[in-house]
C-alpha atoms as a PDB file:
ATOM      1  CA  UNK A   1      29.310 -76.412 -55.388  1.00  0.00           C
ATOM      2  CA  UNK A   2      25.750 -77.195 -56.431  1.00  0.00           C
ATOM      3  CA  UNK A   3      24.544 -79.442 -53.619  1.00  0.00           C
ATOM      4  CA  UNK A   4      21.221 -80.252 -55.281  1.00  0.00           C
ATOM      5  CA  UNK A   5      22.937 -81.348 -58.499  1.00  0.00           C
ATOM      6  CA  UNK A   6      25.455 -83.428 -56.575  1.00  0.00           C
ATOM      7  CA  UNK A   7      22.740 -85.125 -54.520  1.00  0.00           C
ATOM      8  CA  UNK A   8      20.736 -85.658 -57.688  1.00  0.00           C
ATOM      9  CA  UNK A   9      23.625 -87.436 -59.400  1.00  0.00           C
ATOM     10  CA  UNK A  10      24.369 -89.510 -56.302  1.00  0.00           C
ATOM     11  CA  UNK A  11      20.714 -90.451 -55.844  1.00  0.00           C
ATOM     12  CA  UNK A  12      20.378 -91.316 -59.532  1.00  0.00           C
ATOM     13  CA  UNK A  13      23.423 -93.607 -59.356  1.00  0.00           C
ATOM     14  CA  UNK A  14      22.003 -95.375 -56.312  1.00  0.00           C
ATOM     15  CA  UNK A  15      18.637 -95.636 -58.045  1.00  0.00           C
ATOM     16  CA  UNK A  16      20.287 -97.225 -61.087  1.00  0.00           C
ATOM     17  CA  UNK A  17      22.090 -99.736 -58.887  1.00  0.00           C
ATOM     18  CA  UNK A  18      19.327-100.687 -56.485  1.00  0.00           C
ATOM     19  CA  UNK A  19      16.033 -99.944 -58.276  1.00  0.00           C
ATOM     20  CA  UNK A  20      14.379 -99.149 -54.943  1.00  0.00           C
ATOM     21  CA  UNK A  21      11.761 -97.085 -56.722  1.00  0.00           C
ATOM     22  CA  UNK A  22       9.733 -96.227 -53.613  1.00  0.00           C
ATOM     23  CA  UNK A  23      12.600 -95.036 -51.434  1.00  0.00           C
ATOM     24  CA  UNK A  24      14.353 -92.437 -53.557  1.00  0.00           C
ATOM     25  CA  UNK A  25      11.599 -89.861 -54.222  1.00  0.00           C
ATOM     26  CA  UNK A  26      11.120 -89.566 -50.460  1.00  0.00           C
ATOM     27  CA  UNK A  27      14.850 -89.329 -49.804  1.00  0.00           C
ATOM     28  CA  UNK A  28      15.375 -86.759 -52.540  1.00  0.00           C
ATOM     29  CA  UNK A  29      12.452 -84.518 -51.522  1.00  0.00           C
ATOM     30  CA  UNK A  30      13.651 -84.712 -47.913  1.00  0.00           C
ATOM     31  CA  UNK A  31      17.151 -83.633 -48.951  1.00  0.00           C
ATOM     32  CA  UNK A  32      15.740 -80.755 -51.017  1.00  0.00           C
ATOM     33  CA  UNK A  33      13.687 -79.572 -48.032  1.00  0.00           C
ATOM     34  CA  UNK A  34      16.789 -79.665 -45.831  1.00  0.00           C
ATOM     35  CA  UNK A  35      18.764 -77.768 -48.479  1.00  0.00           C
ATOM     36  CA  UNK A  36      16.060 -75.078 -48.697  1.00  0.00           C
ATOM     37  CA  UNK A  37      15.804 -74.337 -44.981  1.00  0.00           C
END
């Protein structure tokens, strides 16, 4: 299971729905940092 890909798809879907442009880059980079450590 590729967690990063799954989160990416999920985040992209939310981004499409909400258009909260400022929120998602921060959320996504935070999730990637958590996934790395």
